Amino acid sequence: VELANIGAKVLLQTAGSPRVFHSDSDSYNRAQSLVAPLSSVWAESYANIPDGKILTQRLTNYGDNVPSLPPSTFGYKHIGNGGIYIN
């Protein structure tokens, strides 16, 4: 988030990460506002990351519980455009 704040193009790839942002927090709102739009073709999105934006890619093993923690019922969320199951 800090790199995007200074105008850098950021590619954020995570694998099996838990939720870290509370949806009511300023940090979640700031991070989500920096997420780059995702086109239907990943290579186009990657090649065209706007300055000061974050392109996200979240990989999740199907059946892995860690990406579901802490529970969304407690208000926690991932930032970005969704995730990809890898098995």
PDB file of N, CA and C in Angstrom:
ATOM      1  N   VAL A   1       0.833  -1.183   0.000  1.00  0.00           N
ATOM      2  CA  VAL A   1       0.000   0.000   0.000  1.00  0.00           C
ATOM      3  C   VAL A   1       0.877   1.245   0.000  1.00  0.00           C
ATOM      4  N   GLU A   2       1.941   1.231   0.786  1.00  0.00           N
ATOM      5  CA  GLU A   2       2.798   2.424   0.861  1.00  0.00           C
ATOM      6  C   GLU A   2       3.487   2.700  -0.471  1.00  0.00           C
ATOM      7  N   LEU A   3       3.885   1.650  -1.202  1.00  0.00           N
ATOM      8  CA  LEU A   3       4.501   1.865  -2.514  1.00  0.00           C
ATOM      9  C   LEU A   3       3.513   2.485  -3.491  1.00  0.00           C
ATOM     10  N   ALA A   4       2.274   2.018  -3.462  1.00  0.00           N
ATOM     11  CA  ALA A   4       1.252   2.601  -4.331  1.00  0.00           C
ATOM     12  C   ALA A   4       0.973   4.047  -3.946  1.00  0.00           C
ATOM     13  N   ASN A   5       1.059   4.352  -2.667  1.00  0.00           N
ATOM     14  CA  ASN A   5       0.830   5.727  -2.213  1.00  0.00           C
ATOM     15  C   ASN A   5       1.847   6.706  -2.784  1.00  0.00           C
ATOM     16  N   ILE A   6       3.044   6.221  -3.121  1.00  0.00           N
ATOM     17  CA  ILE A   6       4.045   7.127  -3.695  1.00  0.00           C
ATOM     18  C   ILE A   6       4.108   7.013  -5.218  1.00  0.00           C
ATOM     19  N   GLY A   7       3.086   6.361  -5.817  1.00  0.00           N
ATOM     20  CA  GLY A   7       2.964   6.336  -7.266  1.00  0.00           C
ATOM     21  C   GLY A   7       3.526   5.112  -7.960  1.00  0.00           C
ATOM     22  N   ALA A   8       4.017   4.129  -7.205  1.00  0.00           N
ATOM     23  CA  ALA A   8       4.583   2.929  -7.832  1.00  0.00           C
ATOM     24  C   ALA A   8       3.480   2.009  -8.356  1.00  0.00           C
ATOM     25  N   LYS A   9       3.815   1.226  -9.373  1.00  0.00           N
ATOM     26  CA  LYS A   9       2.927   0.171  -9.851  1.00  0.00           C
ATOM     27  C   LYS A   9       3.246  -1.068  -9.027  1.00  0.00           C
ATOM     28  N   VAL A  10       2.230  -1.678  -8.418  1.00  0.00           N
ATOM     29  CA  VAL A  10       2.468  -2.785  -7.497  1.00  0.00           C
ATOM     30  C   VAL A  10       1.711  -4.026  -7.963  1.00  0.00           C
ATOM     31  N   LEU A  11       2.420  -5.156  -8.025  1.00  0.00           N
ATOM     32  CA  LEU A  11       1.798  -6.447  -8.259  1.00  0.00           C
ATOM     33  C   LEU A  11       1.877  -7.208  -6.937  1.00  0.00           C
ATOM     34  N   LEU A  12       0.738  -7.512  -6.344  1.00  0.00           N
ATOM     35  CA  LEU A  12       0.670  -8.225  -5.066  1.00  0.00           C
ATOM     36  C   LEU A  12       0.152  -9.623  -5.321  1.00  0.00           C
ATOM     37  N   GLN A  13       0.994 -10.621  -5.101  1.00  0.00           N
ATOM     38  CA  GLN A  13       0.583 -12.014  -5.248  1.00  0.00           C
ATOM     39  C   GLN A  13       0.706 -12.687  -3.887  1.00  0.00           C
ATOM     40  N   THR A  14      -0.375 -13.310  -3.441  1.00  0.00           N
ATOM     41  CA  THR A  14      -0.349 -14.025  -2.173  1.00  0.00           C
ATOM     42  C   THR A  14      -0.795 -15.458  -2.404  1.00  0.00           C
ATOM     43  N   ALA A  15      -0.364 -16.336  -1.520  1.00  0.00           N
ATOM     44  CA  ALA A  15      -0.748 -17.743  -1.604  1.00  0.00           C
ATOM     45  C   ALA A  15      -1.108 -18.220  -0.203  1.00  0.00           C
ATOM     46  N   GLY A  16      -2.369 -18.553  -0.021  1.00  0.00           N
ATOM     47  CA  GLY A  16      -2.810 -19.102   1.252  1.00  0.00           C
ATOM     48  C   GLY A  16      -2.764 -18.131   2.417  1.00  0.00           C
ATOM     49  N   SER A  17      -2.926 -16.849   2.159  1.00  0.00           N
ATOM     50  CA  SER A  17      -2.834 -15.835   3.216  1.00  0.00           C
ATOM     51  C   SER A  17      -4.165 -15.631   3.924  1.00  0.00           C
ATOM     52  N   PRO A  18      -4.113 -15.355   5.227  1.00  0.00           N
ATOM     53  CA  PRO A  18      -5.352 -15.055   5.949  1.00  0.00           C
ATOM     54  C   PRO A  18      -5.846 -13.650   5.635  1.00  0.00           C
ATOM     55  N   ARG A  19      -7.074 -13.381   6.023  1.00  0.00           N
ATOM     56  CA  ARG A  19      -7.618 -12.018   5.892  1.00  0.00           C
ATOM     57  C   ARG A  19      -6.900 -11.125   6.901  1.00  0.00           C
ATOM     58  N   VAL A  20      -6.518  -9.925   6.482  1.00  0.00           N
ATOM     59  CA  VAL A  20      -5.774  -9.049   7.381  1.00  0.00           C
ATOM     60  C   VAL A  20      -6.427  -7.687   7.596  1.00  0.00           C
ATOM     61  N   PHE A  21      -7.429  -7.345   6.812  1.00  0.00           N
ATOM     62  CA  PHE A  21      -8.047  -6.030   6.926  1.00  0.00           C
ATOM     63  C   PHE A  21      -9.442  -6.143   7.530  1.00  0.00           C
ATOM     64  N   HIS A  22      -9.720  -5.291   8.495  1.00  0.00           N
ATOM     65  CA  HIS A  22     -11.092  -5.201   9.007  1.00  0.00           C
ATOM     66  C   HIS A  22     -11.843  -4.237   8.105  1.00  0.00           C
ATOM     67  N   SER A  23     -13.034  -4.643   7.673  1.00  0.00           N
ATOM     68  CA  SER A  23     -13.773  -3.873   6.672  1.00  0.00           C
ATOM     69  C   SER A  23     -14.182  -2.483   7.132  1.00  0.00           C
ATOM     70  N   ASP A  24     -14.197  -2.241   8.430  1.00  0.00           N
ATOM     71  CA  ASP A  24     -14.558  -0.918   8.944  1.00  0.00           C
ATOM     72  C   ASP A  24     -13.347  -0.007   9.137  1.00  0.00           C
ATOM     73  N   SER A  25     -12.160  -0.490   8.820  1.00  0.00           N
ATOM     74  CA  SER A  25     -10.951   0.287   9.096  1.00  0.00           C
ATOM     75  C   SER A  25     -10.597   1.216   7.939  1.00  0.00           C
ATOM     76  N   ASP A  26      -9.918   2.292   8.277  1.00  0.00           N
ATOM     77  CA  ASP A  26      -9.432   3.215   7.253  1.00  0.00           C
ATOM     78  C   ASP A  26      -8.400   2.543   6.358  1.00  0.00           C
ATOM     79  N   SER A  27      -7.574   1.653   6.932  1.00  0.00           N
ATOM     80  CA  SER A  27      -6.544   0.992   6.126  1.00  0.00           C
ATOM     81  C   SER A  27      -7.167   0.099   5.060  1.00  0.00           C
ATOM     82  N   TYR A  28      -8.271  -0.580   5.366  1.00  0.00           N
ATOM     83  CA  TYR A  28      -8.952  -1.396   4.353  1.00  0.00           C
ATOM     84  C   TYR A  28      -9.493  -0.509   3.233  1.00  0.00           C
ATOM     85  N   ASN A  29     -10.170   0.558   3.600  1.00  0.00           N
ATOM     86  CA  ASN A  29     -10.741   1.461   2.592  1.00  0.00           C
ATOM     87  C   ASN A  29      -9.663   2.077   1.721  1.00  0.00           C
ATOM     88  N   ARG A  30      -8.532   2.463   2.324  1.00  0.00           N
ATOM     89  CA  ARG A  30      -7.431   3.048   1.550  1.00  0.00           C
ATOM     90  C   ARG A  30      -6.827   2.009   0.608  1.00  0.00           C
ATOM     91  N   ALA A  31      -6.583   0.793   1.120  1.00  0.00           N
ATOM     92  CA  ALA A  31      -5.990  -0.253   0.294  1.00  0.00           C
ATOM     93  C   ALA A  31      -6.920  -0.639  -0.853  1.00  0.00           C
ATOM     94  N   GLN A  32      -8.200  -0.801  -0.565  1.00  0.00           N
ATOM     95  CA  GLN A  32      -9.147  -1.200  -1.604  1.00  0.00           C
ATOM     96  C   GLN A  32      -9.275  -0.124  -2.675  1.00  0.00           C
ATOM     97  N   SER A  33      -9.139   1.143  -2.298  1.00  0.00           N
ATOM     98  CA  SER A  33      -9.236   2.222  -3.284  1.00  0.00           C
ATOM     99  C   SER A  33      -8.040   2.237  -4.236  1.00  0.00           C
ATOM    100  N   LEU A  34      -6.953   1.567  -3.859  1.00  0.00           N
ATOM    101  CA  LEU A  34      -5.752   1.524  -4.690  1.00  0.00           C
ATOM    102  C   LEU A  34      -5.711   0.316  -5.625  1.00  0.00           C
ATOM    103  N   VAL A  35      -6.685  -0.576  -5.524  1.00  0.00           N
ATOM    104  CA  VAL A  35      -6.683  -1.791  -6.335  1.00  0.00           C
ATOM    105  C   VAL A  35      -6.991  -1.454  -7.789  1.00  0.00           C
ATOM    106  N   ALA A  36      -6.142  -1.960  -8.683  1.00  0.00           N
ATOM    107  CA  ALA A  36      -6.316  -1.728 -10.118  1.00  0.00           C
ATOM    108  C   ALA A  36      -7.453  -2.591 -10.646  1.00  0.00           C
ATOM    109  N   PRO A  37      -8.169  -2.097 -11.641  1.00  0.00           N
ATOM    110  CA  PRO A  37      -9.217  -2.918 -12.246  1.00  0.00           C
ATOM    111  C   PRO A  37      -8.606  -4.123 -12.961  1.00  0.00           C
ATOM    112  N   LEU A  38      -9.327  -5.223 -12.928  1.00  0.00           N
ATOM    113  CA  LEU A  38      -8.852  -6.459 -13.536  1.00  0.00           C
ATOM    114  C   LEU A  38      -9.587  -6.680 -14.850  1.00  0.00           C
ATOM    115  N   SER A  39      -8.821  -6.861 -15.950  1.00  0.00           N
ATOM    116  CA  SER A  39      -9.465  -7.166 -17.223  1.00  0.00           C
ATOM    117  C   SER A  39      -9.670  -8.675 -17.317  1.00  0.00           C
ATOM    118  N   SER A  40     -10.347  -9.114 -18.346  1.00  0.00           N
ATOM    119  CA  SER A  40     -10.615 -10.538 -18.500  1.00  0.00           C
ATOM    120  C   SER A  40      -9.354 -11.324 -18.853  1.00  0.00           C
ATOM    121  N   VAL A  41      -8.306 -10.639 -19.266  1.00  0.00           N
ATOM    122  CA  VAL A  41      -7.040 -11.286 -19.617  1.00  0.00           C
ATOM    123  C   VAL A  41      -5.966 -10.799 -18.639  1.00  0.00           C
ATOM    124  N   TRP A  42      -5.423 -11.734 -17.845  1.00  0.00           N
ATOM    125  CA  TRP A  42      -4.454 -11.378 -16.801  1.00  0.00           C
ATOM    126  C   TRP A  42      -3.264 -10.626 -17.377  1.00  0.00           C
ATOM    127  N   ALA A  43      -2.736 -11.056 -18.513  1.00  0.00           N
ATOM    128  CA  ALA A  43      -1.559 -10.406 -19.100  1.00  0.00           C
ATOM    129  C   ALA A  43      -1.840  -8.947 -19.427  1.00  0.00           C
ATOM    130  N   GLU A  44      -3.047  -8.631 -19.874  1.00  0.00           N
ATOM    131  CA  GLU A  44      -3.402  -7.233 -20.143  1.00  0.00           C
ATOM    132  C   GLU A  44      -3.420  -6.430 -18.855  1.00  0.00           C
ATOM    133  N   SER A  45      -3.992  -7.001 -17.805  1.00  0.00           N
ATOM    134  CA  SER A  45      -4.040  -6.303 -16.518  1.00  0.00           C
ATOM    135  C   SER A  45      -2.636  -6.044 -16.009  1.00  0.00           C
ATOM    136  N   TYR A  46      -1.759  -7.057 -16.098  1.00  0.00           N
ATOM    137  CA  TYR A  46      -0.387  -6.939 -15.614  1.00  0.00           C
ATOM    138  C   TYR A  46       0.393  -5.890 -16.400  1.00  0.00           C
ATOM    139  N   ALA A  47       0.207  -5.878 -17.711  1.00  0.00           N
ATOM    140  CA  ALA A  47       0.944  -4.940 -18.557  1.00  0.00           C
ATOM    141  C   ALA A  47       0.463  -3.503 -18.384  1.00  0.00           C
ATOM    142  N   ASN A  48      -0.750  -3.328 -17.889  1.00  0.00           N
ATOM    143  CA  ASN A  48      -1.348  -1.992 -17.823  1.00  0.00           C
ATOM    144  C   ASN A  48      -1.686  -1.549 -16.403  1.00  0.00           C
ATOM    145  N   ILE A  49      -0.853  -1.929 -15.432  1.00  0.00           N
ATOM    146  CA  ILE A  49      -1.093  -1.467 -14.068  1.00  0.00           C
ATOM    147  C   ILE A  49      -0.902   0.052 -14.045  1.00  0.00           C
ATOM    148  N   PRO A  50      -1.921   0.805 -13.647  1.00  0.00           N
ATOM    149  CA  PRO A  50      -1.760   2.259 -13.585  1.00  0.00           C
ATOM    150  C   PRO A  50      -0.793   2.667 -12.466  1.00  0.00           C
ATOM    151  N   ASP A  51      -0.132   3.801 -12.647  1.00  0.00           N
ATOM    152  CA  ASP A  51       0.727   4.331 -11.586  1.00  0.00           C
ATOM    153  C   ASP A  51      -0.095   4.505 -10.312  1.00  0.00           C
ATOM    154  N   GLY A  52       0.479   4.116  -9.194  1.00  0.00           N
ATOM    155  CA  GLY A  52      -0.182   4.291  -7.908  1.00  0.00           C
ATOM    156  C   GLY A  52      -1.292   3.292  -7.639  1.00  0.00           C
ATOM    157  N   LYS A  53      -1.310   2.178  -8.371  1.00  0.00           N
ATOM    158  CA  LYS A  53      -2.354   1.164  -8.179  1.00  0.00           C
ATOM    159  C   LYS A  53      -1.726  -0.194  -7.871  1.00  0.00           C
ATOM    160  N   ILE A  54      -2.528  -1.077  -7.264  1.00  0.00           N
ATOM    161  CA  ILE A  54      -2.103  -2.422  -6.894  1.00  0.00           C
ATOM    162  C   ILE A  54      -2.920  -3.425  -7.688  1.00  0.00           C
ATOM    163  N   LEU A  55      -2.235  -4.308  -8.422  1.00  0.00           N
ATOM    164  CA  LEU A  55      -2.907  -5.417  -9.078  1.00  0.00           C
ATOM    165  C   LEU A  55      -2.728  -6.634  -8.177  1.00  0.00           C
ATOM    166  N   THR A  56      -3.833  -7.262  -7.811  1.00  0.00           N
ATOM    167  CA  THR A  56      -3.758  -8.370  -6.859  1.00  0.00           C
ATOM    168  C   THR A  56      -4.032  -9.703  -7.531  1.00  0.00           C
ATOM    169  N   GLN A  57      -3.370 -10.726  -7.008  1.00  0.00           N
ATOM    170  CA  GLN A  57      -3.627 -12.106  -7.417  1.00  0.00           C
ATOM    171  C   GLN A  57      -3.496 -12.961  -6.159  1.00  0.00           C
ATOM    172  N   ARG A  58      -4.604 -13.567  -5.737  1.00  0.00           N
ATOM    173  CA  ARG A  58      -4.622 -14.376  -4.516  1.00  0.00           C
ATOM    174  C   ARG A  58      -4.854 -15.829  -4.893  1.00  0.00           C
ATOM    175  N   LEU A  59      -3.866 -16.678  -4.593  1.00  0.00           N
ATOM    176  CA  LEU A  59      -3.946 -18.100  -4.890  1.00  0.00           C
ATOM    177  C   LEU A  59      -4.336 -18.858  -3.632  1.00  0.00           C
ATOM    178  N   THR A  60      -5.270 -19.787  -3.789  1.00  0.00           N
ATOM    179  CA  THR A  60      -5.774 -20.545  -2.648  1.00  0.00           C
ATOM    180  C   THR A  60      -5.886 -22.010  -3.019  1.00  0.00           C
ATOM    181  N   ASN A  61      -5.336 -22.882  -2.172  1.00  0.00           N
ATOM    182  CA  ASN A  61      -5.548 -24.315  -2.321  1.00  0.00           C
ATOM    183  C   ASN A  61      -6.972 -24.631  -1.916  1.00  0.00           C
ATOM    184  N   TYR A  62      -7.700 -25.319  -2.766  1.00  0.00           N
ATOM    185  CA  TYR A  62      -9.076 -25.682  -2.430  1.00  0.00           C
ATOM    186  C   TYR A  62      -9.060 -26.509  -1.140  1.00  0.00           C
ATOM    187  N   GLY A  63      -9.895 -26.138  -0.190  1.00  0.00           N
ATOM    188  CA  GLY A  63      -9.967 -26.839   1.087  1.00  0.00           C
ATOM    189  C   GLY A  63      -9.047 -26.278   2.154  1.00  0.00           C
ATOM    190  N   ASP A  64      -8.193 -25.303   1.814  1.00  0.00           N
ATOM    191  CA  ASP A  64      -7.309 -24.678   2.801  1.00  0.00           C
ATOM    192  C   ASP A  64      -8.125 -23.727   3.664  1.00  0.00           C
ATOM    193  N   ASN A  65      -8.069 -23.894   4.962  1.00  0.00           N
ATOM    194  CA  ASN A  65      -8.853 -23.064   5.872  1.00  0.00           C
ATOM    195  C   ASN A  65      -8.219 -21.710   6.184  1.00  0.00           C
ATOM    196  N   VAL A  66      -6.910 -21.586   6.035  1.00  0.00           N
ATOM    197  CA  VAL A  66      -6.221 -20.349   6.434  1.00  0.00           C
ATOM    198  C   VAL A  66      -6.765 -19.106   5.727  1.00  0.00           C
ATOM    199  N   PRO A  67      -7.036 -19.130   4.404  1.00  0.00           N
ATOM    200  CA  PRO A  67      -7.571 -17.927   3.763  1.00  0.00           C
ATOM    201  C   PRO A  67      -8.955 -17.510   4.278  1.00  0.00           C
ATOM    202  N   SER A  68      -9.608 -18.374   5.027  1.00  0.00           N
ATOM    203  CA  SER A  68     -10.929 -18.057   5.592  1.00  0.00           C
ATOM    204  C   SER A  68     -10.840 -17.504   7.009  1.00  0.00           C
ATOM    205  N   LEU A  69      -9.628 -17.274   7.479  1.00  0.00           N
ATOM    206  CA  LEU A  69      -9.430 -16.772   8.846  1.00  0.00           C
ATOM    207  C   LEU A  69      -8.882 -15.358   8.818  1.00  0.00           C
ATOM    208  N   PRO A  70      -9.169 -14.535   9.803  1.00  0.00           N
ATOM    209  CA  PRO A  70     -10.296 -14.663  10.711  1.00  0.00           C
ATOM    210  C   PRO A  70     -11.611 -14.628   9.929  1.00  0.00           C
ATOM    211  N   PRO A  71     -12.676 -15.152  10.513  1.00  0.00           N
ATOM    212  CA  PRO A  71     -13.941 -15.250   9.791  1.00  0.00           C
ATOM    213  C   PRO A  71     -14.471 -13.893   9.311  1.00  0.00           C
ATOM    214  N   SER A  72     -15.085 -13.909   8.135  1.00  0.00           N
ATOM    215  CA  SER A  72     -15.661 -12.670   7.594  1.00  0.00           C
ATOM    216  C   SER A  72     -16.799 -12.167   8.475  1.00  0.00           C
ATOM    217  N   THR A  73     -17.394 -13.049   9.261  1.00  0.00           N
ATOM    218  CA  THR A  73     -18.457 -12.613  10.174  1.00  0.00           C
ATOM    219  C   THR A  73     -17.924 -11.662  11.233  1.00  0.00           C
ATOM    220  N   PHE A  74     -16.607 -11.658  11.443  1.00  0.00           N
ATOM    221  CA  PHE A  74     -15.981 -10.703  12.367  1.00  0.00           C
ATOM    222  C   PHE A  74     -15.585  -9.411  11.666  1.00  0.00           C
ATOM    223  N   GLY A  75     -15.868  -9.332  10.350  1.00  0.00           N
ATOM    224  CA  GLY A  75     -15.611  -8.100   9.605  1.00  0.00           C
ATOM    225  C   GLY A  75     -14.310  -8.074   8.834  1.00  0.00           C
ATOM    226  N   TYR A  76     -13.573  -9.175   8.787  1.00  0.00           N
ATOM    227  CA  TYR A  76     -12.287  -9.184   8.085  1.00  0.00           C
ATOM    228  C   TYR A  76     -12.470  -9.551   6.619  1.00  0.00           C
ATOM    229  N   LYS A  77     -11.628  -8.926   5.772  1.00  0.00           N
ATOM    230  CA  LYS A  77     -11.708  -9.133   4.328  1.00  0.00           C
ATOM    231  C   LYS A  77     -10.320  -9.170   3.713  1.00  0.00           C
ATOM    232  N   HIS A  78     -10.244  -9.774   2.525  1.00  0.00           N
ATOM    233  CA  HIS A  78      -9.066  -9.663   1.665  1.00  0.00           C
ATOM    234  C   HIS A  78      -9.266  -8.412   0.812  1.00  0.00           C
ATOM    235  N   ILE A  79      -8.166  -7.798   0.377  1.00  0.00           N
ATOM    236  CA  ILE A  79      -8.308  -6.731  -0.616  1.00  0.00           C
ATOM    237  C   ILE A  79      -8.160  -7.358  -1.993  1.00  0.00           C
ATOM    238  N   GLY A  80      -8.626  -6.670  -2.996  1.00  0.00           N
ATOM    239  CA  GLY A  80      -8.390  -7.108  -4.354  1.00  0.00           C
ATOM    240  C   GLY A  80      -9.613  -7.585  -5.088  1.00  0.00           C
ATOM    241  N   ASN A  81      -9.321  -8.322  -6.148  1.00  0.00           N
ATOM    242  CA  ASN A  81     -10.338  -8.708  -7.111  1.00  0.00           C
ATOM    243  C   ASN A  81     -10.802 -10.144  -6.973  1.00  0.00           C
ATOM    244  N   GLY A  82     -10.587 -10.774  -5.853  1.00  0.00           N
ATOM    245  CA  GLY A  82     -10.996 -12.172  -5.689  1.00  0.00           C
ATOM    246  C   GLY A  82      -9.808 -13.104  -5.754  1.00  0.00           C
ATOM    247  N   GLY A  83     -10.089 -14.384  -5.640  1.00  0.00           N
ATOM    248  CA  GLY A  83      -9.014 -15.365  -5.595  1.00  0.00           C
ATOM    249  C   GLY A  83      -9.145 -16.432  -6.658  1.00  0.00           C
ATOM    250  N   ILE A  84      -8.091 -17.219  -6.773  1.00  0.00           N
ATOM    251  CA  ILE A  84      -8.027 -18.306  -7.741  1.00  0.00           C
ATOM    252  C   ILE A  84      -7.731 -19.588  -6.987  1.00  0.00           C
ATOM    253  N   TYR A  85      -8.571 -20.608  -7.171  1.00  0.00           N
ATOM    254  CA  TYR A  85      -8.277 -21.923  -6.590  1.00  0.00           C
ATOM    255  C   TYR A  85      -7.289 -22.631  -7.482  1.00  0.00           C
ATOM    256  N   ILE A  86      -6.250 -23.239  -6.867  1.00  0.00           N
ATOM    257  CA  ILE A  86      -5.169 -23.832  -7.666  1.00  0.00           C
ATOM    258  C   ILE A  86      -5.163 -25.349  -7.680  1.00  0.00           C
ATOM    259  N   ASN A  87      -6.175 -26.003  -7.122  1.00  0.00           N
ATOM    260  CA  ASN A  87      -6.231 -27.458  -7.293  1.00  0.00           C
ATOM    261  C   ASN A  87      -7.637 -27.970  -7.293  1.00  0.00           C
TER     262      ASN A  87
END
